[in-house]
Amino acid sequence: MRFSDIARSCTQNLLRRKSRTILTVLGVIVGCCSIVLMISIGQGINEQNEQMLKNMGNLNDITVYADGGGSHSTAPSSSVSGAGSEQAKLDDDAVQNFRSIAGVAGVLPQKTMSYSVDATQGAGSRYVSQYVNVVGVDATQLEESGYKLASGRLPMRAGEVLAGKSFVYSFYDKYASDPSNHRTEAGGYYCDEHGCAQSEGEDPFFDMLNSKITLITGANYQSPDDYHKVGGGSVAPSDSGSGENPTITMPYTVVGVIDSSANNYDAFTSGIVMSIDDMKTLNAKISGGAKANTSSKVVYDQVLVHTQDIKDVADVEAQIKGAGYQTSSFEQTRKEIEKQSRGIQLALGGIGAVSFFVAAIGIANTMIMSVSERTREIGIMKALGCYVRDIRMMFLCEAGAIGLVGGVIACLISAIGSIGINMASLGGFSIENIGKAIMGGDDVTRISVIPWWLFVVAMLFSIAVGVVAGFGPANKAVKIPALDAIKNDQ
């Protein structure tokens, strides 16, 4: 028999008992939907965990610091590991060594300002930001290290700096009364006499890009709790210095805004990022020097190593530890969360597999009944010289067709159900929520996630279950003697 003949016979036999076929297909649909939706919920849990880690920091990042430098790290302290008693310096030689490690995409050395810093902007220093995070970096390595600019460009000359995208919201208007003396960023919280609530976002006092700001710092300078008026109506911070190390005011121009939200308290999100040379100049002025020696070596507080792929993190981190440095990353945390997610997915998949097992029993029962009803047909086919393999193939095709039809319908229902679950969690039906429910996004947390490969696996598994369930009845059919089949059916 040709395959087209087998396919036509398969279709005719399935349609001959429509009710039984529909009920069997319905069992496959329920089983397949159960396992797909259960796995999709497990995938959703995994996506939520990854989103949580991404909000805390880049998963490809390794923070490196010398012994005793852990207090400057922005990565989780729970994954910090030591590497010997001898302290290794984080200098330019160390940075070059890190860059030579296979799998490293970028290395960003960082030097944090160790003095208290305030920032002012506007006429008469009207807008003030206190306790500003200031860090010096190699700006040429920002993009290679995973940082992007929301607007503007990288610094190209002295006095040009970058600002975190939330930095502009740290300013308050010292001439305005509370609560109008500050602006709240979208997603932030504000409090009034009615309590606290999440803000939809307000326009800042000024546009940070291309703004002129003044940093106020010094060895004896301490950020005051408030500012007092001085002659001419201007306002300045009190200076508690002894005169040996006076308060330093340095003007800078913000030429770019960093698009980073990994840590709301670091300089890359809510502070100032300047070049290493500008940091040297500022420190020289604080120390009383007229000019910084830009050729002098710098010992960095920490170095951010950005790997090309998340799979490279473990190997790169091990090599850095072996060189005598301490490291901090999300690798161990990520592995633990992945392990928990796999356990949840297996548990949910097992629950769905029970329904699939019941569906397989239904297919086997249907095929056994089909063989019993078609004993005479099988005998005639054998008497006419039909190959045994064709008879077996005919019944296996019928069982596989039930699995295929049930799998396709189940995948469609599962996709619709997944979208519905996600839309319900996003607040209801809307065109915007449909896109978020299907594609997700950085600011979207989906409950159910069905990757494309899950549909393919579900359909292939449905066909395989049908074929396996029909294998026994098909073998029973080919073992029926032709003459006995004709005689017993009369």
Protein backbone atom coordinates (compact mmCIF):
# COMPACT_ATOMS: atom_id res chain seq x y z
CA MET A 1 0.00 0.00 0.00
CA ARG A 2 1.13 3.51 -0.80
CA PHE A 3 1.33 6.01 2.02
CA SER A 4 -1.49 8.03 0.43
CA ASP A 5 -3.72 4.93 0.60
CA ILE A 6 -2.79 4.43 4.26
CA ALA A 7 -3.52 8.09 5.04
CA ARG A 8 -6.90 7.94 3.28
CA SER A 9 -7.85 4.75 5.12
CA CYS A 10 -6.73 6.32 8.40
CA THR A 11 -8.96 9.38 7.83
CA GLN A 12 -11.97 7.26 6.87
CA ASN A 13 -11.62 5.00 9.90
CA LEU A 14 -11.33 7.94 12.32
CA LEU A 15 -14.38 9.65 10.85
CA ARG A 16 -16.37 6.41 10.93
CA ARG A 17 -16.69 6.71 14.72
CA LYS A 18 -16.78 10.48 15.10
CA SER A 19 -17.98 10.60 18.71
CA ARG A 20 -15.34 8.18 19.94
CA THR A 21 -12.61 9.96 18.01
CA ILE A 22 -13.66 13.40 19.30
CA LEU A 23 -13.71 12.19 22.90
CA THR A 24 -10.26 10.62 22.52
CA VAL A 25 -8.88 13.79 20.93
CA LEU A 26 -10.45 15.78 23.78
CA GLY A 27 -8.50 13.66 26.27
CA VAL A 28 -5.27 14.44 24.40
CA ILE A 29 -6.16 18.15 24.39
CA VAL A 30 -6.69 18.18 28.15
CA GLY A 31 -3.46 16.30 28.79
CA CYS A 32 -1.37 18.41 26.41
CA CYS A 33 -2.86 21.70 27.69
CA SER A 34 -2.12 20.65 31.26
CA ILE A 35 1.52 19.91 30.66
CA VAL A 36 2.13 22.99 28.43
CA LEU A 37 0.47 25.42 30.85
CA MET A 38 2.19 23.88 33.85
CA ILE A 39 5.60 24.17 32.19
CA SER A 40 4.75 27.71 31.03
CA ILE A 41 4.02 28.73 34.62
CA GLY A 42 7.38 27.26 35.62
CA GLN A 43 9.00 29.29 32.83
CA GLY A 44 7.18 32.35 34.13
CA ILE A 45 8.61 31.79 37.61
CA ASN A 46 12.08 31.49 36.07
CA GLU A 47 11.58 34.75 34.14
CA GLN A 48 10.43 36.53 37.29
CA ASN A 49 13.53 35.34 39.14
CA GLU A 50 15.81 36.50 36.32
CA GLN A 51 14.04 39.86 36.23
CA MET A 52 14.58 40.21 39.96
CA LEU A 53 18.30 39.52 39.56
CA LYS A 54 18.59 41.93 36.63
CA ASN A 55 17.00 44.66 38.73
CA MET A 56 19.70 44.07 41.31
CA GLY A 57 22.58 44.04 38.80
CA ASN A 58 23.87 42.72 35.49
CA LEU A 59 24.19 38.93 35.58
CA ASN A 60 27.30 39.10 33.37
CA ASP A 61 29.17 41.33 35.83
CA ILE A 62 31.91 40.35 38.26
CA THR A 63 33.00 42.95 40.81
CA VAL A 64 36.66 42.58 41.71
CA TYR A 65 38.41 44.20 44.67
CA ALA A 66 41.52 43.68 46.71
CA ASP A 67 41.48 42.26 50.22
CA GLY A 68 39.73 44.70 52.53
CA GLY A 69 37.97 46.50 49.65
CA GLY A 70 34.66 44.72 49.90
CA SER A 71 32.89 47.72 51.42
CA HIS A 72 32.91 49.44 48.03
CA SER A 73 31.26 46.60 46.16
CA THR A 74 27.86 47.05 44.57
CA ALA A 75 27.35 43.30 44.06
CA PRO A 76 25.78 41.02 46.69
CA SER A 77 28.09 40.29 49.59
CA SER A 78 26.63 36.80 49.98
CA SER A 79 28.70 35.53 47.03
CA VAL A 80 32.04 37.11 48.06
CA SER A 81 34.99 34.73 48.25
CA GLY A 82 38.53 35.34 49.44
CA ALA A 83 41.68 34.33 47.62
CA GLY A 84 44.53 34.22 50.09
CA SER A 85 46.05 36.40 52.73
CA GLU A 86 48.32 38.46 50.45
CA GLN A 87 46.58 41.53 49.09
CA ALA A 88 46.76 42.01 45.31
CA LYS A 89 46.64 45.57 44.05
CA LEU A 90 43.94 46.77 41.68
CA ASP A 91 46.11 48.88 39.41
CA ASP A 92 46.44 49.31 35.64
CA ASP A 93 48.50 46.11 35.37
CA ALA A 94 45.69 44.15 37.03
CA VAL A 95 43.16 45.73 34.66
CA GLN A 96 45.22 44.63 31.64
CA ASN A 97 45.45 41.10 33.03
CA PHE A 98 41.67 40.94 33.44
CA ARG A 99 41.18 42.06 29.84
CA SER A 100 43.38 39.21 28.61
CA ILE A 101 41.14 36.54 30.15
CA ALA A 102 39.10 34.61 27.58
CA GLY A 103 35.40 35.46 27.68
CA VAL A 104 35.85 39.00 29.04
CA ALA A 105 34.04 41.69 27.03
CA GLY A 106 35.00 44.78 29.03
CA VAL A 107 36.86 45.83 32.16
CA LEU A 108 35.83 49.01 33.97
CA PRO A 109 38.17 50.23 36.74
CA GLN A 110 36.50 52.48 39.31
CA LYS A 111 37.81 55.02 41.84
CA THR A 112 35.20 56.31 44.28
CA MET A 113 35.34 59.80 45.80
CA SER A 114 36.09 59.28 49.48
CA TYR A 115 34.93 62.76 50.58
CA SER A 116 31.42 64.05 51.16
CA VAL A 117 30.11 65.71 47.98
CA ASP A 118 27.16 68.01 47.29
CA ALA A 119 26.03 69.32 43.90
CA THR A 120 24.29 72.57 42.94
CA GLN A 121 22.72 73.81 39.73
CA GLY A 122 21.00 76.95 38.52
CA ALA A 123 21.28 80.65 39.29
CA GLY A 124 22.32 81.27 42.86
CA SER A 125 22.85 77.51 43.33
CA ARG A 126 19.09 77.19 43.62
CA TYR A 127 18.89 73.42 43.15
CA VAL A 128 20.85 71.26 45.56
CA SER A 129 21.66 67.55 45.76
CA GLN A 130 23.34 66.26 48.90
CA TYR A 131 25.60 63.27 49.49
CA VAL A 132 26.26 62.69 45.77
CA ASN A 133 27.93 59.47 44.65
CA VAL A 134 30.95 60.37 42.49
CA VAL A 135 33.09 57.75 40.77
CA GLY A 136 36.00 57.98 38.34
CA VAL A 137 36.11 55.42 35.51
CA ASP A 138 37.68 54.67 32.16
CA ALA A 139 34.83 56.07 30.06
CA THR A 140 36.03 54.26 26.93
CA GLN A 141 35.07 50.95 28.60
CA LEU A 142 31.51 51.88 29.56
CA GLU A 143 29.76 50.38 26.54
CA GLU A 144 31.98 47.26 26.57
CA SER A 145 31.06 46.83 30.23
CA GLY A 146 27.31 46.77 29.53
CA TYR A 147 26.42 50.42 30.16
CA LYS A 148 24.49 52.44 27.60
CA LEU A 149 23.73 56.13 27.25
CA ALA A 150 20.09 57.17 27.39
CA SER A 151 21.09 60.46 25.76
CA GLY A 152 24.14 62.56 24.98
CA ARG A 153 27.69 61.33 24.40
CA LEU A 154 30.77 60.16 26.25
CA PRO A 155 33.11 62.74 27.85
CA MET A 156 35.83 63.91 25.47
CA ARG A 157 37.64 66.60 27.47
CA ALA A 158 38.33 67.70 31.02
CA GLY A 159 35.31 68.98 32.95
CA GLU A 160 32.80 66.80 31.09
CA VAL A 161 30.96 64.16 33.11
CA LEU A 162 28.13 61.65 32.87
CA ALA A 163 25.11 61.49 35.18
CA GLY A 164 22.87 58.61 36.19
CA LYS A 165 19.34 58.93 34.85
CA SER A 166 17.92 59.30 38.38
CA PHE A 167 20.46 61.91 39.48
CA VAL A 168 18.33 64.84 38.30
CA TYR A 169 15.58 63.75 40.70
CA SER A 170 17.92 63.97 43.71
CA PHE A 171 17.88 67.80 43.55
CA TYR A 172 15.56 69.93 45.63
CA ASP A 173 14.64 73.59 45.34
CA LYS A 174 15.95 75.32 48.45
CA TYR A 175 13.71 78.34 47.82
CA ALA A 176 10.48 76.30 47.67
CA SER A 177 8.55 74.99 50.64
CA ASP A 178 7.89 71.34 51.27
CA PRO A 179 6.49 69.29 49.50
CA SER A 180 6.97 71.33 46.28
CA ASN A 181 10.73 71.56 46.80
CA HIS A 182 11.41 68.23 45.05
CA ARG A 183 10.29 66.16 42.05
CA THR A 184 9.42 62.47 42.08
CA GLU A 185 10.59 60.04 39.40
CA ALA A 186 8.11 57.68 37.73
CA GLY A 187 7.82 54.60 39.91
CA GLY A 188 9.07 56.42 42.98
CA TYR A 189 7.08 57.05 46.15
CA TYR A 190 5.87 60.32 47.60
CA CYS A 191 4.21 60.98 50.92
CA ASP A 192 1.75 63.65 52.02
CA GLU A 193 -0.92 64.10 54.66
CA HIS A 194 -2.94 61.30 53.02
CA GLY A 195 -0.11 58.77 53.24
CA CYS A 196 2.40 57.37 50.71
CA ALA A 197 1.72 56.32 47.13
CA GLN A 198 3.62 55.46 43.96
CA SER A 199 4.20 58.43 41.67
CA GLU A 200 3.32 58.48 37.99
CA GLY A 201 6.32 60.76 37.46
CA GLU A 202 6.96 64.50 37.42
CA ASP A 203 9.18 66.67 35.25
CA PRO A 204 12.49 67.47 36.97
CA PHE A 205 13.47 71.04 37.79
CA PHE A 206 15.86 71.13 34.84
CA ASP A 207 17.14 69.06 31.94
CA MET A 208 20.23 67.22 33.11
CA LEU A 209 21.81 66.89 29.66
CA ASN A 210 24.23 69.77 28.94
CA SER A 211 23.55 71.26 32.38
CA LYS A 212 26.28 73.06 34.30
CA ILE A 213 26.63 71.65 37.80
CA THR A 214 29.00 72.48 40.63
CA LEU A 215 30.43 69.86 42.96
CA ILE A 216 31.24 71.02 46.50
CA THR A 217 33.65 68.89 48.50
CA GLY A 218 36.85 68.95 50.52
CA ALA A 219 38.80 67.11 53.18
CA ASN A 220 37.04 69.09 55.95
CA TYR A 221 33.77 69.67 54.17
CA GLN A 222 30.67 68.05 55.61
CA SER A 223 27.30 68.11 53.89
CA PRO A 224 25.03 70.35 56.00
CA ASP A 225 21.48 69.43 56.84
CA ASP A 226 20.33 72.74 55.41
CA TYR A 227 21.72 75.79 53.67
CA HIS A 228 21.88 79.31 55.05
CA LYS A 229 21.54 82.58 53.20
CA VAL A 230 24.60 84.71 52.67
CA GLY A 231 25.14 88.17 51.27
CA GLY A 232 23.39 89.02 48.03
CA GLY A 233 20.57 86.53 48.58
CA SER A 234 22.61 83.51 47.51
CA VAL A 235 22.86 80.35 49.53
CA ALA A 236 26.00 78.38 50.35
CA PRO A 237 26.89 75.49 52.61
CA SER A 238 28.60 76.15 55.90
CA ASP A 239 32.34 75.52 55.85
CA SER A 240 33.72 73.86 58.91
CA GLY A 241 37.24 73.59 57.47
CA SER A 242 40.32 74.74 59.29
CA GLY A 243 41.71 76.52 56.25
CA GLU A 244 44.48 74.00 55.58
CA ASN A 245 42.13 71.97 53.39
CA PRO A 246 39.50 74.42 52.18
CA THR A 247 36.17 73.55 50.64
CA ILE A 248 36.54 72.96 46.89
CA THR A 249 33.92 73.96 44.31
CA MET A 250 34.45 72.50 40.84
CA PRO A 251 32.21 73.19 37.80
CA TYR A 252 31.34 70.35 35.42
CA THR A 253 29.17 69.90 32.33
CA VAL A 254 26.92 66.86 32.00
CA VAL A 255 27.34 65.63 28.41
CA GLY A 256 25.59 62.27 28.73
CA VAL A 257 23.00 60.43 30.82
CA ILE A 258 23.64 56.77 31.65
CA ASP A 259 20.73 54.38 31.11
CA SER A 260 21.16 52.15 34.14
CA SER A 261 18.68 50.96 36.74
CA ALA A 262 20.56 48.05 38.28
CA ASN A 263 21.20 49.80 41.57
CA ASN A 264 19.30 52.91 42.63
CA TYR A 265 22.09 53.92 45.00
CA ASP A 266 25.23 53.80 42.84
CA ALA A 267 26.79 56.57 40.78
CA PHE A 268 25.78 54.97 37.49
CA THR A 269 22.11 55.44 38.36
CA SER A 270 21.88 58.39 40.75
CA GLY A 271 25.30 60.02 40.80
CA ILE A 272 28.15 61.49 38.75
CA VAL A 273 30.60 59.49 36.62
CA MET A 274 33.79 61.27 35.56
CA SER A 275 37.08 60.30 33.98
CA ILE A 276 39.99 59.05 36.06
CA ASP A 277 41.98 62.19 35.12
CA ASP A 278 39.19 64.46 36.39
CA MET A 279 39.10 62.43 39.59
CA LYS A 280 42.87 62.93 39.99
CA THR A 281 42.48 66.67 39.44
CA LEU A 282 39.70 66.94 42.01
CA ASN A 283 41.64 64.94 44.60
CA ALA A 284 44.73 67.05 43.95
CA LYS A 285 42.80 70.25 44.68
CA ILE A 286 41.39 68.76 47.86
CA SER A 287 44.91 67.83 48.93
CA GLY A 288 46.10 71.38 48.27
CA GLY A 289 47.93 70.66 45.02
CA ALA A 290 47.61 73.03 42.07
CA LYS A 291 47.73 70.38 39.38
CA ALA A 292 47.18 66.67 39.26
CA ASN A 293 49.82 64.28 37.92
CA THR A 294 47.75 62.40 35.35
CA SER A 295 50.61 59.98 34.67
CA SER A 296 50.69 58.75 38.27
CA LYS A 297 49.48 55.23 38.96
CA VAL A 298 46.06 54.76 40.50
CA VAL A 299 45.02 52.00 42.87
CA TYR A 300 41.34 51.42 42.14
CA ASP A 301 38.69 50.70 44.73
CA GLN A 302 37.09 48.06 42.56
CA VAL A 303 37.05 46.80 38.98
CA LEU A 304 33.94 45.70 37.09
CA VAL A 305 34.59 42.76 34.75
CA HIS A 306 31.85 42.23 32.16
CA THR A 307 31.77 38.82 30.45
CA GLN A 308 30.65 38.14 26.89
CA ASP A 309 28.14 35.51 27.98
CA ILE A 310 26.55 34.57 31.26
CA LYS A 311 28.06 31.09 30.84
CA ASP A 312 31.56 32.62 31.06
CA VAL A 313 31.02 34.14 34.51
CA ALA A 314 31.98 31.06 36.56
CA ASP A 315 35.23 30.40 34.66
CA VAL A 316 36.32 34.06 34.57
CA GLU A 317 35.54 34.51 38.26
CA ALA A 318 37.58 31.41 39.14
CA GLN A 319 40.62 32.75 37.24
CA ILE A 320 40.39 36.14 38.97
CA LYS A 321 40.18 34.49 42.37
CA GLY A 322 43.20 32.40 41.49
CA ALA A 323 45.15 35.61 40.84
CA GLY A 324 44.66 36.68 44.48
CA TYR A 325 41.60 38.94 44.29
CA GLN A 326 38.23 38.86 45.92
CA THR A 327 35.19 38.74 43.70
CA SER A 328 31.48 39.28 43.97
CA SER A 329 28.82 38.26 41.45
CA PHE A 330 25.33 36.88 41.12
CA GLU A 331 26.57 33.56 39.71
CA GLN A 332 26.01 31.47 42.85
CA THR A 333 22.66 33.14 43.53
CA ARG A 334 21.61 32.62 39.91
CA LYS A 335 22.53 28.92 40.04
CA GLU A 336 20.55 28.41 43.23
CA ILE A 337 17.51 30.14 41.75
CA GLU A 338 17.83 28.12 38.53
CA LYS A 339 17.98 24.93 40.59
CA GLN A 340 14.81 25.89 42.44
CA SER A 341 13.11 26.85 39.18
CA ARG A 342 13.98 23.49 37.60
CA GLY A 343 12.51 21.72 40.61
CA ILE A 344 9.29 23.71 40.32
CA GLN A 345 9.11 23.07 36.57
CA LEU A 346 9.59 19.33 37.08
CA ALA A 347 6.87 19.27 39.73
CA LEU A 348 4.42 21.21 37.55
CA GLY A 349 5.35 19.15 34.49
CA GLY A 350 4.76 15.96 36.47
CA ILE A 351 1.27 17.12 37.38
CA GLY A 352 0.53 17.77 33.70
CA ALA A 353 2.08 14.44 32.71
CA VAL A 354 -0.56 12.60 34.76
CA SER A 355 -3.25 14.04 32.50
CA PHE A 356 -1.20 13.06 29.46
CA PHE A 357 -0.90 9.51 30.81
CA VAL A 358 -4.69 9.32 31.10
CA ALA A 359 -4.95 10.55 27.51
CA ALA A 360 -2.54 7.81 26.39
CA ILE A 361 -4.78 5.21 28.05
CA GLY A 362 -7.74 6.69 26.15
CA ILE A 363 -5.90 6.36 22.83
CA ALA A 364 -4.93 2.76 23.61
CA ASN A 365 -8.54 1.93 24.52
CA THR A 366 -9.84 3.51 21.31
CA MET A 367 -7.38 1.58 19.15
CA ILE A 368 -8.14 -1.72 20.88
CA MET A 369 -11.84 -1.20 20.20
CA SER A 370 -11.02 -0.28 16.60
CA VAL A 371 -9.03 -3.51 16.13
CA SER A 372 -11.84 -5.59 17.64
CA GLU A 373 -14.45 -4.00 15.36
CA ARG A 374 -12.34 -4.39 12.20
CA THR A 375 -11.23 -8.00 12.58
CA ARG A 376 -12.92 -9.02 9.29
CA GLU A 377 -11.35 -6.06 7.47
CA ILE A 378 -7.93 -7.08 8.72
CA GLY A 379 -8.49 -10.68 7.60
CA ILE A 380 -9.57 -9.61 4.11
CA MET A 381 -6.54 -7.33 3.78
CA LYS A 382 -4.25 -10.22 4.70
CA ALA A 383 -6.07 -12.59 2.36
CA LEU A 384 -5.57 -10.14 -0.50
CA GLY A 385 -1.82 -10.10 0.20
CA CYS A 386 -1.47 -6.86 2.13
CA TYR A 387 1.90 -6.56 3.87
CA VAL A 388 1.92 -6.91 7.65
CA ARG A 389 3.91 -3.69 7.94
CA ASP A 390 1.14 -1.80 6.08
CA ILE A 391 -1.50 -3.04 8.52
CA ARG A 392 0.70 -2.03 11.45
CA MET A 393 1.38 1.35 9.82
CA MET A 394 -2.33 1.96 9.28
CA PHE A 395 -3.16 1.61 12.99
CA LEU A 396 -0.08 3.54 14.10
CA CYS A 397 -1.05 6.38 11.76
CA GLU A 398 -4.53 6.49 13.26
CA ALA A 399 -3.10 6.68 16.79
CA GLY A 400 -0.52 9.28 15.71
CA ALA A 401 -3.20 11.33 13.94
CA ILE A 402 -5.24 11.48 17.15
CA GLY A 403 -2.15 12.70 19.00
CA LEU A 404 -1.32 15.24 16.27
CA VAL A 405 -4.81 16.76 16.09
CA GLY A 406 -5.06 16.89 19.87
CA GLY A 407 -1.57 18.42 20.17
CA VAL A 408 -2.22 21.18 17.60
CA ILE A 409 -5.53 22.16 19.18
CA ALA A 410 -3.98 21.99 22.67
CA CYS A 411 -1.13 24.31 21.63
CA LEU A 412 -3.61 26.88 20.31
CA ILE A 413 -5.72 26.69 23.47
CA SER A 414 -2.58 26.88 25.65
CA ALA A 415 -1.35 29.99 23.79
CA ILE A 416 -4.70 31.72 24.25
CA GLY A 417 -4.85 30.64 27.89
CA SER A 418 -1.31 31.89 28.54
CA ILE A 419 -2.09 35.28 27.02
CA GLY A 420 -5.29 35.47 29.08
CA ILE A 421 -3.44 34.67 32.32
CA ASN A 422 -0.80 37.31 31.59
CA MET A 423 -3.36 39.95 30.61
CA ALA A 424 -5.28 39.33 33.82
CA SER A 425 -2.08 39.88 35.81
CA LEU A 426 -1.34 43.06 33.81
CA GLY A 427 -4.69 44.63 34.62
CA GLY A 428 -7.13 43.51 31.93
CA PHE A 429 -7.73 43.46 28.18
CA SER A 430 -6.11 46.12 26.02
CA ILE A 431 -4.05 46.27 22.84
CA GLU A 432 -0.99 47.32 24.83
CA ASN A 433 -1.40 44.45 27.29
CA ILE A 434 -1.69 41.93 24.45
CA GLY A 435 1.77 42.87 23.23
CA LYS A 436 3.19 42.75 26.75
CA ALA A 437 1.50 39.41 27.45
CA ILE A 438 3.05 37.86 24.32
CA MET A 439 6.47 39.52 24.08
CA GLY A 440 7.09 40.57 27.69
CA GLY A 441 9.59 43.36 28.35
CA ASP A 442 12.08 44.74 30.86
CA ASP A 443 9.30 46.24 32.97
CA VAL A 444 6.80 43.39 32.47
CA THR A 445 6.50 40.37 34.73
CA ARG A 446 4.59 37.53 33.09
CA ILE A 447 3.06 34.64 35.02
CA SER A 448 2.98 32.27 32.02
CA VAL A 449 5.78 32.09 29.43
CA ILE A 450 5.56 29.66 26.49
CA PRO A 451 8.75 29.60 24.40
CA TRP A 452 8.37 28.58 20.76
CA TRP A 453 10.21 25.31 21.31
CA LEU A 454 7.61 24.21 23.87
CA PHE A 455 4.91 24.16 21.17
CA VAL A 456 7.12 22.00 18.93
CA VAL A 457 7.99 19.63 21.78
CA ALA A 458 4.32 19.42 22.84
CA MET A 459 3.13 18.47 19.35
CA LEU A 460 5.93 15.92 18.82
CA PHE A 461 5.28 14.49 22.27
CA SER A 462 1.54 14.21 21.53
CA ILE A 463 2.29 12.30 18.33
CA ALA A 464 4.79 10.08 20.16
CA VAL A 465 2.28 9.34 22.93
CA GLY A 466 -0.32 8.41 20.33
CA VAL A 467 2.06 6.11 18.45
CA VAL A 468 3.30 4.43 21.66
CA ALA A 469 -0.27 3.98 22.91
CA GLY A 470 -1.29 2.49 19.56
CA PHE A 471 1.69 0.17 19.23
CA GLY A 472 0.13 -2.60 21.30
CA PRO A 473 -3.21 -2.65 19.43
CA ALA A 474 -1.34 -2.47 16.09
CA ASN A 475 0.72 -5.55 16.97
CA LYS A 476 -2.47 -7.31 18.04
CA ALA A 477 -3.96 -6.57 14.62
CA VAL A 478 -1.02 -7.99 12.65
CA LYS A 479 -1.08 -11.24 14.71
CA ILE A 480 -4.70 -12.07 13.80
CA PRO A 481 -4.73 -15.02 11.34
CA ALA A 482 -6.50 -14.13 8.09
CA LEU A 483 -8.83 -17.18 7.85
CA ASP A 484 -9.72 -17.09 11.54
CA ALA A 485 -10.51 -13.38 11.27
CA ILE A 486 -12.90 -13.93 8.35
CA LYS A 487 -14.51 -16.98 9.97
CA ASN A 488 -14.99 -15.37 13.40
CA ASP A 489 -16.49 -12.23 11.95
CA GLN A 490 -19.21 -14.08 10.05
